[in-house]
Amino acid sequence: MYAVVETGGKQYKVCEGDIIFVEKLPANSGDSYTFDKVLAVSKADGFVVGNPTVADCTVTANVVKNGKSKKIHIIRYKSKKNEKTHMGHRQPYTKLQIMSIQA
């Protein structure tokens, strides 16, 4: 059994026990988080696609931790102008473990 959920403008295919990294959510480590935007569910009796979401279906996840990903370096360079700019960025994320899918 798996489900397709939407969070942070992205879609994730999840099964029970999966660990996923999503855009930062307003939850602390150890909390439980429920996804209400379930786009599709695969059950034992078939595949259900929502219009736009599946009614009465939720996915519950446990927040493992909040963190920041690896730093990416952005370098801008303009030739013949003696101009160079260096910036860095670390995207915040939330690590989730999928506990159950209620369909």
N, C-alpha and C. Protein backbone atom coordinates (compact mmCIF):
# COMPACT_ATOMS: atom_id res chain seq x y z
N MET A 1 0.85 -1.18 0.00
CA MET A 1 0.00 0.00 0.00
C MET A 1 0.88 1.23 0.00
N TYR A 2 0.61 2.15 -0.92
CA TYR A 2 1.35 3.40 -0.98
C TYR A 2 0.40 4.54 -1.29
N ALA A 3 0.91 5.77 -1.08
CA ALA A 3 0.11 6.96 -1.32
C ALA A 3 0.99 8.03 -1.94
N VAL A 4 0.36 8.98 -2.62
CA VAL A 4 1.05 10.14 -3.17
C VAL A 4 0.54 11.36 -2.42
N VAL A 5 1.45 12.04 -1.70
CA VAL A 5 1.07 13.21 -0.91
C VAL A 5 1.75 14.45 -1.48
N GLU A 6 1.15 15.60 -1.20
CA GLU A 6 1.72 16.87 -1.65
C GLU A 6 2.05 17.73 -0.44
N THR A 7 3.27 18.26 -0.42
CA THR A 7 3.68 19.21 0.60
C THR A 7 4.82 20.05 0.06
N GLY A 8 4.79 21.32 0.38
CA GLY A 8 5.85 22.21 -0.07
C GLY A 8 5.91 22.38 -1.56
N GLY A 9 4.77 22.20 -2.27
CA GLY A 9 4.75 22.33 -3.71
C GLY A 9 5.33 21.15 -4.45
N LYS A 10 5.62 20.06 -3.74
CA LYS A 10 6.18 18.87 -4.36
C LYS A 10 5.33 17.67 -4.02
N GLN A 11 5.44 16.62 -4.82
CA GLN A 11 4.68 15.40 -4.59
C GLN A 11 5.64 14.26 -4.24
N TYR A 12 5.24 13.44 -3.27
CA TYR A 12 6.07 12.35 -2.79
C TYR A 12 5.26 11.06 -2.78
N LYS A 13 5.86 9.98 -3.30
CA LYS A 13 5.25 8.65 -3.22
C LYS A 13 5.80 8.00 -1.96
N VAL A 14 4.90 7.64 -1.02
CA VAL A 14 5.33 7.13 0.28
C VAL A 14 4.66 5.80 0.60
N CYS A 15 5.39 4.96 1.33
CA CYS A 15 4.88 3.71 1.89
C CYS A 15 5.10 3.77 3.40
N GLU A 16 4.47 2.88 4.12
CA GLU A 16 4.68 2.83 5.57
C GLU A 16 6.13 2.45 5.86
N GLY A 17 6.76 3.21 6.77
CA GLY A 17 8.15 2.96 7.13
C GLY A 17 9.15 3.76 6.34
N ASP A 18 8.74 4.44 5.27
CA ASP A 18 9.66 5.25 4.47
C ASP A 18 10.15 6.46 5.26
N ILE A 19 11.35 6.90 4.94
CA ILE A 19 11.91 8.13 5.49
C ILE A 19 12.09 9.09 4.33
N ILE A 20 11.48 10.29 4.46
CA ILE A 20 11.55 11.28 3.39
C ILE A 20 12.04 12.61 3.95
N PHE A 21 12.63 13.41 3.08
CA PHE A 21 13.08 14.76 3.41
C PHE A 21 12.19 15.73 2.65
N VAL A 22 11.47 16.60 3.37
CA VAL A 22 10.55 17.55 2.75
C VAL A 22 10.96 18.96 3.13
N GLU A 23 10.34 19.95 2.48
CA GLU A 23 10.56 21.34 2.84
C GLU A 23 10.19 21.53 4.30
N LYS A 24 10.82 22.47 4.97
CA LYS A 24 10.66 22.64 6.42
C LYS A 24 9.20 22.82 6.81
N LEU A 25 8.76 22.03 7.79
CA LEU A 25 7.39 22.07 8.30
C LEU A 25 7.38 22.69 9.70
N PRO A 26 6.26 23.30 10.10
CA PRO A 26 6.18 23.90 11.44
C PRO A 26 5.93 22.84 12.52
N ALA A 27 6.87 21.95 12.73
CA ALA A 27 6.75 20.87 13.72
C ALA A 27 8.10 20.63 14.35
N ASN A 28 8.09 20.25 15.60
CA ASN A 28 9.33 19.96 16.32
C ASN A 28 9.66 18.48 16.25
N SER A 29 10.88 18.15 16.59
CA SER A 29 11.34 16.78 16.58
C SER A 29 10.54 15.94 17.57
N GLY A 30 10.08 14.78 17.14
CA GLY A 30 9.28 13.90 17.98
C GLY A 30 7.78 14.10 17.82
N ASP A 31 7.36 15.16 17.14
CA ASP A 31 5.93 15.41 16.93
C ASP A 31 5.36 14.49 15.86
N SER A 32 4.05 14.45 15.80
CA SER A 32 3.36 13.71 14.75
C SER A 32 2.80 14.72 13.76
N TYR A 33 2.88 14.42 12.47
CA TYR A 33 2.39 15.33 11.43
C TYR A 33 1.46 14.55 10.52
N THR A 34 0.33 15.16 10.15
CA THR A 34 -0.67 14.50 9.31
C THR A 34 -0.79 15.23 7.98
N PHE A 35 -0.67 14.48 6.89
CA PHE A 35 -0.86 15.02 5.55
C PHE A 35 -2.33 14.84 5.17
N ASP A 36 -3.00 15.95 4.85
CA ASP A 36 -4.39 15.89 4.41
C ASP A 36 -4.50 15.89 2.89
N LYS A 37 -3.48 16.43 2.20
CA LYS A 37 -3.50 16.48 0.74
C LYS A 37 -2.94 15.18 0.18
N VAL A 38 -3.79 14.17 0.11
CA VAL A 38 -3.41 12.87 -0.45
C VAL A 38 -3.99 12.82 -1.86
N LEU A 39 -3.12 12.75 -2.86
CA LEU A 39 -3.55 12.83 -4.25
C LEU A 39 -3.98 11.48 -4.82
N ALA A 40 -3.35 10.41 -4.35
CA ALA A 40 -3.68 9.07 -4.86
C ALA A 40 -3.32 8.03 -3.80
N VAL A 41 -4.06 6.92 -3.82
CA VAL A 41 -3.82 5.83 -2.87
C VAL A 41 -3.92 4.50 -3.60
N SER A 42 -2.98 3.62 -3.33
CA SER A 42 -3.03 2.26 -3.86
C SER A 42 -3.44 1.35 -2.70
N LYS A 43 -4.60 0.72 -2.83
CA LYS A 43 -5.10 -0.19 -1.80
C LYS A 43 -5.05 -1.63 -2.32
N ALA A 44 -5.50 -2.54 -1.50
CA ALA A 44 -5.54 -3.95 -1.90
C ALA A 44 -6.58 -4.18 -3.00
N ASP A 45 -7.66 -3.37 -2.98
CA ASP A 45 -8.73 -3.57 -3.97
C ASP A 45 -8.60 -2.66 -5.19
N GLY A 46 -7.50 -1.91 -5.31
CA GLY A 46 -7.30 -1.09 -6.50
C GLY A 46 -6.62 0.23 -6.20
N PHE A 47 -6.54 1.05 -7.24
CA PHE A 47 -5.87 2.34 -7.18
C PHE A 47 -6.91 3.44 -7.22
N VAL A 48 -6.85 4.39 -6.28
CA VAL A 48 -7.83 5.47 -6.21
C VAL A 48 -7.11 6.79 -6.45
N VAL A 49 -7.60 7.56 -7.41
CA VAL A 49 -7.04 8.88 -7.71
C VAL A 49 -8.06 9.93 -7.30
N GLY A 50 -7.60 10.95 -6.57
CA GLY A 50 -8.49 12.00 -6.10
C GLY A 50 -8.77 13.05 -7.16
N ASN A 51 -9.80 13.85 -6.88
CA ASN A 51 -10.15 14.92 -7.80
C ASN A 51 -10.43 16.19 -7.01
N PRO A 52 -9.49 16.97 -6.54
CA PRO A 52 -8.03 16.84 -6.65
C PRO A 52 -7.41 15.98 -5.56
N THR A 53 -8.13 15.74 -4.44
CA THR A 53 -7.57 14.89 -3.38
C THR A 53 -8.53 13.75 -3.08
N VAL A 54 -8.01 12.71 -2.45
CA VAL A 54 -8.82 11.57 -2.06
C VAL A 54 -9.54 11.92 -0.75
N ALA A 55 -10.86 11.74 -0.74
CA ALA A 55 -11.66 12.07 0.44
C ALA A 55 -11.40 11.06 1.56
N ASP A 56 -11.39 11.55 2.79
CA ASP A 56 -11.24 10.72 3.99
C ASP A 56 -9.99 9.86 3.98
N CYS A 57 -8.90 10.40 3.49
CA CYS A 57 -7.63 9.67 3.47
C CYS A 57 -6.55 10.57 4.07
N THR A 58 -5.80 10.04 5.02
CA THR A 58 -4.71 10.79 5.63
C THR A 58 -3.47 9.92 5.74
N VAL A 59 -2.33 10.58 5.77
CA VAL A 59 -1.05 9.91 5.96
C VAL A 59 -0.42 10.53 7.21
N THR A 60 -0.06 9.69 8.17
CA THR A 60 0.52 10.16 9.42
C THR A 60 2.02 9.87 9.42
N ALA A 61 2.79 10.89 9.82
CA ALA A 61 4.24 10.75 9.85
C ALA A 61 4.78 11.24 11.18
N ASN A 62 5.95 10.73 11.55
CA ASN A 62 6.63 11.14 12.76
C ASN A 62 7.82 12.01 12.36
N VAL A 63 7.97 13.18 13.01
CA VAL A 63 9.06 14.09 12.69
C VAL A 63 10.33 13.57 13.37
N VAL A 64 11.32 13.19 12.56
CA VAL A 64 12.57 12.68 13.10
C VAL A 64 13.47 13.84 13.52
N LYS A 65 13.66 14.81 12.61
CA LYS A 65 14.47 15.98 12.95
C LYS A 65 14.27 17.08 11.93
N ASN A 66 14.63 18.29 12.33
CA ASN A 66 14.71 19.44 11.45
C ASN A 66 16.18 19.76 11.25
N GLY A 67 16.55 20.15 10.06
CA GLY A 67 17.96 20.43 9.82
C GLY A 67 18.16 21.27 8.58
N LYS A 68 19.42 21.39 8.19
CA LYS A 68 19.78 22.12 6.97
C LYS A 68 20.60 21.19 6.09
N SER A 69 20.41 21.30 4.78
CA SER A 69 21.13 20.44 3.85
C SER A 69 22.55 20.98 3.65
N LYS A 70 23.31 20.32 2.81
CA LYS A 70 24.67 20.75 2.53
C LYS A 70 24.66 22.14 1.90
N LYS A 71 25.74 22.86 2.12
CA LYS A 71 25.85 24.21 1.57
C LYS A 71 26.15 24.14 0.08
N ILE A 72 25.43 24.96 -0.68
CA ILE A 72 25.74 25.11 -2.09
C ILE A 72 26.39 26.48 -2.27
N HIS A 73 27.34 26.56 -3.17
CA HIS A 73 28.08 27.80 -3.40
C HIS A 73 27.66 28.40 -4.73
N ILE A 74 27.33 29.68 -4.71
CA ILE A 74 26.95 30.40 -5.91
C ILE A 74 28.03 31.43 -6.18
N ILE A 75 28.64 31.36 -7.35
CA ILE A 75 29.70 32.30 -7.72
C ILE A 75 29.29 32.99 -9.01
N ARG A 76 29.26 34.32 -8.95
CA ARG A 76 29.00 35.11 -10.16
C ARG A 76 30.30 35.79 -10.56
N TYR A 77 30.57 35.78 -11.84
CA TYR A 77 31.82 36.34 -12.34
C TYR A 77 31.53 37.10 -13.63
N LYS A 78 32.05 38.32 -13.70
CA LYS A 78 31.93 39.11 -14.93
C LYS A 78 33.35 39.36 -15.44
N SER A 79 33.61 38.83 -16.63
CA SER A 79 34.94 38.96 -17.17
C SER A 79 35.24 40.40 -17.57
N LYS A 80 36.48 40.75 -17.47
CA LYS A 80 37.00 42.07 -17.85
C LYS A 80 36.46 43.21 -16.98
N LYS A 81 35.75 42.92 -15.92
CA LYS A 81 35.19 43.96 -15.05
C LYS A 81 35.77 43.89 -13.64
N ASN A 82 36.60 42.87 -13.35
CA ASN A 82 37.17 42.65 -12.02
C ASN A 82 36.05 42.56 -10.98
N GLU A 83 35.00 41.80 -11.33
CA GLU A 83 33.84 41.67 -10.46
C GLU A 83 33.57 40.20 -10.20
N LYS A 84 33.56 39.82 -8.93
CA LYS A 84 33.32 38.44 -8.54
C LYS A 84 32.47 38.47 -7.26
N THR A 85 31.40 37.65 -7.21
CA THR A 85 30.54 37.59 -6.04
C THR A 85 30.41 36.13 -5.61
N HIS A 86 30.55 35.89 -4.33
CA HIS A 86 30.45 34.53 -3.80
C HIS A 86 29.37 34.51 -2.72
N MET A 87 28.40 33.59 -2.87
CA MET A 87 27.33 33.45 -1.89
C MET A 87 27.15 31.97 -1.58
N GLY A 88 26.53 31.68 -0.45
CA GLY A 88 26.24 30.31 -0.07
C GLY A 88 24.79 30.20 0.39
N HIS A 89 24.25 28.98 0.33
CA HIS A 89 22.86 28.77 0.75
C HIS A 89 22.72 27.36 1.32
N ARG A 90 22.00 27.24 2.45
CA ARG A 90 21.67 25.95 3.04
C ARG A 90 20.16 25.87 3.19
N GLN A 91 19.54 24.95 2.47
CA GLN A 91 18.09 24.81 2.47
C GLN A 91 17.63 24.07 3.71
N PRO A 92 16.68 24.63 4.49
CA PRO A 92 16.16 23.90 5.65
C PRO A 92 15.22 22.78 5.21
N TYR A 93 15.22 21.68 5.97
CA TYR A 93 14.38 20.53 5.65
C TYR A 93 13.81 19.93 6.93
N THR A 94 12.83 19.05 6.75
CA THR A 94 12.28 18.25 7.85
C THR A 94 12.37 16.79 7.43
N LYS A 95 12.94 15.97 8.29
CA LYS A 95 13.06 14.53 8.02
C LYS A 95 11.87 13.84 8.67
N LEU A 96 11.10 13.09 7.87
CA LEU A 96 9.89 12.43 8.35
C LEU A 96 9.98 10.92 8.16
N GLN A 97 9.36 10.19 9.08
CA GLN A 97 9.19 8.74 8.90
C GLN A 97 7.70 8.48 8.83
N ILE A 98 7.26 7.84 7.76
CA ILE A 98 5.84 7.57 7.53
C ILE A 98 5.41 6.44 8.45
N MET A 99 4.38 6.71 9.25
CA MET A 99 3.91 5.71 10.22
C MET A 99 2.72 4.91 9.69
N SER A 100 1.70 5.60 9.14
CA SER A 100 0.52 4.88 8.69
C SER A 100 -0.19 5.63 7.57
N ILE A 101 -0.94 4.86 6.78
CA ILE A 101 -1.77 5.41 5.70
C ILE A 101 -3.19 4.93 5.97
N GLN A 102 -4.10 5.87 6.26
CA GLN A 102 -5.51 5.54 6.49
C GLN A 102 -6.30 5.89 5.22
N ALA A 103 -6.88 4.87 4.60
CA ALA A 103 -7.64 5.09 3.37
C ALA A 103 -9.08 4.63 3.55
